[in-house]
C-alpha atoms as a PDB file:
ATOM      1  CA  UNK A   1      -8.778 -71.243 -69.722  1.00  0.00           C
ATOM      2  CA  UNK A   2      -8.885 -74.618 -67.826  1.00  0.00           C
ATOM      3  CA  UNK A   3      -5.275 -74.781 -70.329  1.00  0.00           C
ATOM      4  CA  UNK A   4      -3.779 -72.564 -68.182  1.00  0.00           C
ATOM      5  CA  UNK A   5      -5.476 -74.009 -64.632  1.00  0.00           C
ATOM      6  CA  UNK A   6      -3.942 -77.648 -66.113  1.00  0.00           C
ATOM      7  CA  UNK A   7      -0.093 -75.639 -66.465  1.00  0.00           C
ATOM      8  CA  UNK A   8      -0.767 -74.320 -62.872  1.00  0.00           C
ATOM      9  CA  UNK A   9      -1.531 -77.474 -61.086  1.00  0.00           C
ATOM     10  CA  UNK A  10       1.246 -79.498 -63.450  1.00  0.00           C
ATOM     11  CA  UNK A  11       3.509 -76.714 -61.720  1.00  0.00           C
ATOM     12  CA  UNK A  12       2.227 -76.867 -58.343  1.00  0.00           C
ATOM     13  CA  UNK A  13       2.589 -80.499 -58.711  1.00  0.00           C
ATOM     14  CA  UNK A  14       6.139 -80.243 -59.783  1.00  0.00           C
ATOM     15  CA  UNK A  15       7.241 -78.083 -57.246  1.00  0.00           C
ATOM     16  CA  UNK A  16       6.400 -79.946 -54.522  1.00  0.00           C
ATOM     17  CA  UNK A  17       7.770 -83.300 -55.707  1.00  0.00           C
ATOM     18  CA  UNK A  18      10.978 -81.012 -56.017  1.00  0.00           C
ATOM     19  CA  UNK A  19      10.276 -80.100 -52.571  1.00  0.00           C
ATOM     20  CA  UNK A  20       9.663 -84.137 -51.261  1.00  0.00           C
ATOM     21  CA  UNK A  21      13.475 -85.224 -53.082  1.00  0.00           C
ATOM     22  CA  UNK A  22      14.463 -81.481 -51.199  1.00  0.00           C
ATOM     23  CA  UNK A  23      13.886 -82.794 -47.945  1.00  0.00           C
ATOM     24  CA  UNK A  24      15.231 -85.812 -48.036  1.00  0.00           C
ATOM     25  CA  UNK A  25      18.321 -85.060 -49.073  1.00  0.00           C
ATOM     26  CA  UNK A  26      18.254 -85.461 -53.021  1.00  0.00           C
ATOM     27  CA  UNK A  27      18.180 -83.046 -55.792  1.00  0.00           C
ATOM     28  CA  UNK A  28      15.315 -81.926 -56.380  1.00  0.00           C
ATOM     29  CA  UNK A  29      15.697 -81.765 -60.352  1.00  0.00           C
ATOM     30  CA  UNK A  30      15.339 -85.135 -60.184  1.00  0.00           C
ATOM     31  CA  UNK A  31      11.847 -85.269 -60.013  1.00  0.00           C
ATOM     32  CA  UNK A  32      11.167 -83.998 -63.469  1.00  0.00           C
ATOM     33  CA  UNK A  33      13.658 -86.901 -65.097  1.00  0.00           C
ATOM     34  CA  UNK A  34      11.700 -89.960 -66.115  1.00  0.00           C
ATOM     35  CA  UNK A  35      12.378 -93.468 -64.479  1.00  0.00           C
ATOM     36  CA  UNK A  36      15.031 -91.307 -62.473  1.00  0.00           C
ATOM     37  CA  UNK A  37      12.148 -89.724 -60.345  1.00  0.00           C
ATOM     38  CA  UNK A  38      10.761 -93.041 -60.025  1.00  0.00           C
ATOM     39  CA  UNK A  39      14.658 -94.711 -58.705  1.00  0.00           C
ATOM     40  CA  UNK A  40      14.796 -91.688 -56.219  1.00  0.00           C
ATOM     41  CA  UNK A  41      11.325 -92.006 -55.236  1.00  0.00           C
ATOM     42  CA  UNK A  42      12.262 -96.054 -54.124  1.00  0.00           C
ATOM     43  CA  UNK A  43      15.323 -94.800 -52.514  1.00  0.00           C
ATOM     44  CA  UNK A  44      13.491 -92.202 -50.650  1.00  0.00           C
ATOM     45  CA  UNK A  45      10.969 -94.532 -49.021  1.00  0.00           C
ATOM     46  CA  UNK A  46      11.850 -98.316 -49.715  1.00  0.00           C
ATOM     47  CA  UNK A  47      15.517 -99.156 -50.510  1.00  0.00           C
ATOM     48  CA  UNK A  48      18.213 -99.569 -53.496  1.00  0.00           C
ATOM     49  CA  UNK A  49      16.790-103.278 -54.301  1.00  0.00           C
ATOM     50  CA  UNK A  50      13.387-102.614 -54.598  1.00  0.00           C
ATOM     51  CA  UNK A  51      14.016 -99.035 -56.904  1.00  0.00           C
ATOM     52  CA  UNK A  52      15.745-101.811 -58.843  1.00  0.00           C
ATOM     53  CA  UNK A  53      12.682-103.808 -59.172  1.00  0.00           C
ATOM     54  CA  UNK A  54      10.076-101.068 -59.451  1.00  0.00           C
ATOM     55  CA  UNK A  55      12.048 -99.270 -62.357  1.00  0.00           C
ATOM     56  CA  UNK A  56      12.533-102.523 -63.627  1.00  0.00           C
ATOM     57  CA  UNK A  57       8.857-103.497 -63.781  1.00  0.00           C
ATOM     58  CA  UNK A  58       8.397 -99.491 -65.078  1.00  0.00           C
ATOM     59  CA  UNK A  59      10.678-100.709 -67.989  1.00  0.00           C
ATOM     60  CA  UNK A  60       9.411-104.546 -68.718  1.00  0.00           C
ATOM     61  CA  UNK A  61       5.294-102.603 -68.518  1.00  0.00           C
ATOM     62  CA  UNK A  62       6.330-100.317 -70.698  1.00  0.00           C
ATOM     63  CA  UNK A  63       7.742-102.349 -73.494  1.00  0.00           C
ATOM     64  CA  UNK A  64       5.128-104.758 -72.953  1.00  0.00           C
ATOM     65  CA  UNK A  65       2.414-102.308 -73.795  1.00  0.00           C
ATOM     66  CA  UNK A  66       4.041-100.867 -76.861  1.00  0.00           C
ATOM     67  CA  UNK A  67       4.585-104.158 -78.143  1.00  0.00           C
ATOM     68  CA  UNK A  68       0.717-104.890 -77.315  1.00  0.00           C
ATOM     69  CA  UNK A  69      -0.007-102.371 -78.795  1.00  0.00           C
ATOM     70  CA  UNK A  70       1.692-102.644 -82.368  1.00  0.00           C
ATOM     71  CA  UNK A  71      -0.106-105.737 -82.263  1.00  0.00           C
ATOM     72  CA  UNK A  72      -3.389-104.236 -81.553  1.00  0.00           C
ATOM     73  CA  UNK A  73      -2.880-101.511 -84.369  1.00  0.00           C
ATOM     74  CA  UNK A  74      -2.261-104.431 -87.366  1.00  0.00           C
ATOM     75  CA  UNK A  75      -5.340-105.989 -86.316  1.00  0.00           C
ATOM     76  CA  UNK A  76      -3.421-109.335 -84.582  1.00  0.00           C
ATOM     77  CA  UNK A  77      -4.650-110.621 -81.451  1.00  0.00           C
ATOM     78  CA  UNK A  78      -2.428-110.281 -78.491  1.00  0.00           C
ATOM     79  CA  UNK A  79      -3.591-113.629 -76.893  1.00  0.00           C
ATOM     80  CA  UNK A  80      -0.360-114.930 -74.378  1.00  0.00           C
ATOM     81  CA  UNK A  81       1.305-111.147 -74.205  1.00  0.00           C
ATOM     82  CA  UNK A  82      -1.946-109.830 -73.038  1.00  0.00           C
ATOM     83  CA  UNK A  83      -2.199-112.265 -69.955  1.00  0.00           C
ATOM     84  CA  UNK A  84       1.300-111.731 -69.599  1.00  0.00           C
ATOM     85  CA  UNK A  85       0.509-107.325 -69.575  1.00  0.00           C
ATOM     86  CA  UNK A  86      -1.965-108.332 -67.138  1.00  0.00           C
ATOM     87  CA  UNK A  87      -0.578-109.772 -64.528  1.00  0.00           C
ATOM     88  CA  UNK A  88       2.852-107.086 -65.151  1.00  0.00           C
ATOM     89  CA  UNK A  89      -0.020-104.538 -64.341  1.00  0.00           C
ATOM     90  CA  UNK A  90      -0.883-105.893 -60.711  1.00  0.00           C
ATOM     91  CA  UNK A  91       2.214-106.659 -59.840  1.00  0.00           C
ATOM     92  CA  UNK A  92       2.773-103.135 -60.553  1.00  0.00           C
ATOM     93  CA  UNK A  93      -0.245-101.385 -59.097  1.00  0.00           C
ATOM     94  CA  UNK A  94       0.910-103.547 -55.907  1.00  0.00           C
ATOM     95  CA  UNK A  95       4.046-102.186 -55.898  1.00  0.00           C
ATOM     96  CA  UNK A  96       2.829 -98.356 -56.060  1.00  0.00           C
ATOM     97  CA  UNK A  97       0.338 -99.091 -53.719  1.00  0.00           C
ATOM     98  CA  UNK A  98       3.266-100.693 -51.111  1.00  0.00           C
ATOM     99  CA  UNK A  99       5.999 -97.447 -52.629  1.00  0.00           C
ATOM    100  CA  UNK A 100       3.396 -95.052 -51.625  1.00  0.00           C
ATOM    101  CA  UNK A 101       2.598 -96.584 -48.480  1.00  0.00           C
ATOM    102  CA  UNK A 102       6.526 -96.500 -47.496  1.00  0.00           C
ATOM    103  CA  UNK A 103       6.357 -92.812 -48.693  1.00  0.00           C
ATOM    104  CA  UNK A 104       3.587 -92.608 -46.533  1.00  0.00           C
ATOM    105  CA  UNK A 105       6.201 -93.951 -43.247  1.00  0.00           C
ATOM    106  CA  UNK A 106       9.179 -92.168 -44.419  1.00  0.00           C
ATOM    107  CA  UNK A 107       7.547 -88.472 -43.671  1.00  0.00           C
ATOM    108  CA  UNK A 108       5.855 -90.245 -40.515  1.00  0.00           C
ATOM    109  CA  UNK A 109       2.252 -90.521 -41.965  1.00  0.00           C
ATOM    110  CA  UNK A 110       0.439 -94.092 -41.403  1.00  0.00           C
ATOM    111  CA  UNK A 111      -2.223 -95.594 -43.582  1.00  0.00           C
ATOM    112  CA  UNK A 112      -4.707 -92.976 -43.711  1.00  0.00           C
ATOM    113  CA  UNK A 113      -2.016 -90.488 -45.764  1.00  0.00           C
ATOM    114  CA  UNK A 114      -1.309 -93.585 -47.815  1.00  0.00           C
ATOM    115  CA  UNK A 115      -4.864 -93.912 -48.724  1.00  0.00           C
ATOM    116  CA  UNK A 116      -5.035 -90.126 -49.885  1.00  0.00           C
ATOM    117  CA  UNK A 117      -1.635 -90.729 -51.614  1.00  0.00           C
ATOM    118  CA  UNK A 118      -3.243 -93.913 -53.776  1.00  0.00           C
ATOM    119  CA  UNK A 119      -6.443 -91.757 -54.410  1.00  0.00           C
ATOM    120  CA  UNK A 120      -5.586 -88.014 -54.119  1.00  0.00           C
ATOM    121  CA  UNK A 121      -2.143 -88.651 -55.297  1.00  0.00           C
ATOM    122  CA  UNK A 122      -0.960 -84.518 -56.141  1.00  0.00           C
ATOM    123  CA  UNK A 123      -3.515 -83.347 -53.002  1.00  0.00           C
ATOM    124  CA  UNK A 124      -1.294 -85.481 -50.573  1.00  0.00           C
ATOM    125  CA  UNK A 125       1.832 -84.884 -52.746  1.00  0.00           C
ATOM    126  CA  UNK A 126       1.446 -81.125 -52.009  1.00  0.00           C
ATOM    127  CA  UNK A 127       0.921 -81.259 -48.691  1.00  0.00           C
ATOM    128  CA  UNK A 128       4.126 -83.710 -48.384  1.00  0.00           C
ATOM    129  CA  UNK A 129       5.808 -81.228 -50.108  1.00  0.00           C
ATOM    130  CA  UNK A 130       4.699 -77.713 -48.753  1.00  0.00           C
ATOM    131  CA  UNK A 131       3.306 -78.977 -45.638  1.00  0.00           C
ATOM    132  CA  UNK A 132       5.716 -79.065 -42.231  1.00  0.00           C
ATOM    133  CA  UNK A 133       5.852 -83.109 -42.970  1.00  0.00           C
ATOM    134  CA  UNK A 134       9.758 -83.443 -42.126  1.00  0.00           C
ATOM    135  CA  UNK A 135      12.106 -86.685 -43.488  1.00  0.00           C
ATOM    136  CA  UNK A 136      13.023 -89.407 -41.128  1.00  0.00           C
ATOM    137  CA  UNK A 137      14.116 -92.287 -43.466  1.00  0.00           C
ATOM    138  CA  UNK A 138      13.029 -94.807 -45.536  1.00  0.00           C
ATOM    139  CA  UNK A 139      10.279 -96.696 -44.222  1.00  0.00           C
ATOM    140  CA  UNK A 140      10.610 -94.455 -40.951  1.00  0.00           C
ATOM    141  CA  UNK A 141      13.440 -95.896 -39.677  1.00  0.00           C
ATOM    142  CA  UNK A 142      14.933 -93.148 -38.613  1.00  0.00           C
ATOM    143  CA  UNK A 143      18.041 -93.168 -40.897  1.00  0.00           C
ATOM    144  CA  UNK A 144      17.144 -90.090 -42.565  1.00  0.00           C
ATOM    145  CA  UNK A 145      21.062 -88.428 -41.947  1.00  0.00           C
ATOM    146  CA  UNK A 146      22.199 -91.593 -43.629  1.00  0.00           C
ATOM    147  CA  UNK A 147      20.097 -90.920 -46.706  1.00  0.00           C
ATOM    148  CA  UNK A 148      20.638 -87.861 -47.232  1.00  0.00           C
ATOM    149  CA  UNK A 149      24.602 -88.312 -48.040  1.00  0.00           C
ATOM    150  CA  UNK A 150      25.629 -88.598 -51.778  1.00  0.00           C
ATOM    151  CA  UNK A 151      24.138 -91.795 -52.979  1.00  0.00           C
ATOM    152  CA  UNK A 152      21.953 -92.440 -50.660  1.00  0.00           C
ATOM    153  CA  UNK A 153      24.543 -95.462 -48.952  1.00  0.00           C
ATOM    154  CA  UNK A 154      23.671 -95.788 -45.118  1.00  0.00           C
ATOM    155  CA  UNK A 155      27.770 -96.831 -44.899  1.00  0.00           C
ATOM    156  CA  UNK A 156      28.784 -93.401 -45.797  1.00  0.00           C
ATOM    157  CA  UNK A 157      29.481 -91.749 -42.598  1.00  0.00           C
ATOM    158  CA  UNK A 158      30.892 -95.146 -41.615  1.00  0.00           C
ATOM    159  CA  UNK A 159      31.589 -97.707 -44.786  1.00  0.00           C
ATOM    160  CA  UNK A 160      32.744-100.841 -43.189  1.00  0.00           C
ATOM    161  CA  UNK A 161      34.805-101.532 -46.490  1.00  0.00           C
ATOM    162  CA  UNK A 162      37.000 -98.004 -46.786  1.00  0.00           C
END
């Protein structure tokens, strides 16, 4: 019975994320692809530059974790690698909290909603997806129309290089 409830909750969260992506003008299916999900979420809430930093830190953390767990499985000490992994972990957590704040601002909410996203992410993601929250642009700056265009480029409608 608990497996069925867990599956239902996971489906509800995926559909909520799909709706969040759709509200922001991104293809909904991007929410189910790892790393693309993180990239688009950063583009929705922040910027492409920060998306690169966020996804890059995720990849670095994944690689360091795999190396560290391999050493632990062999009975070796991780030493300096453990310290680096700890620093990258803290950096990633701070970046993730900032991303959730920017996501909250992108849908017109404040710090209270951000705290909800940090501690009760599934519930607050469902509120964003199923609720009446409207996407107003990265960091809440009102550039939703330009960010909805293909690629999220703010110059799509007025490209100075074309």
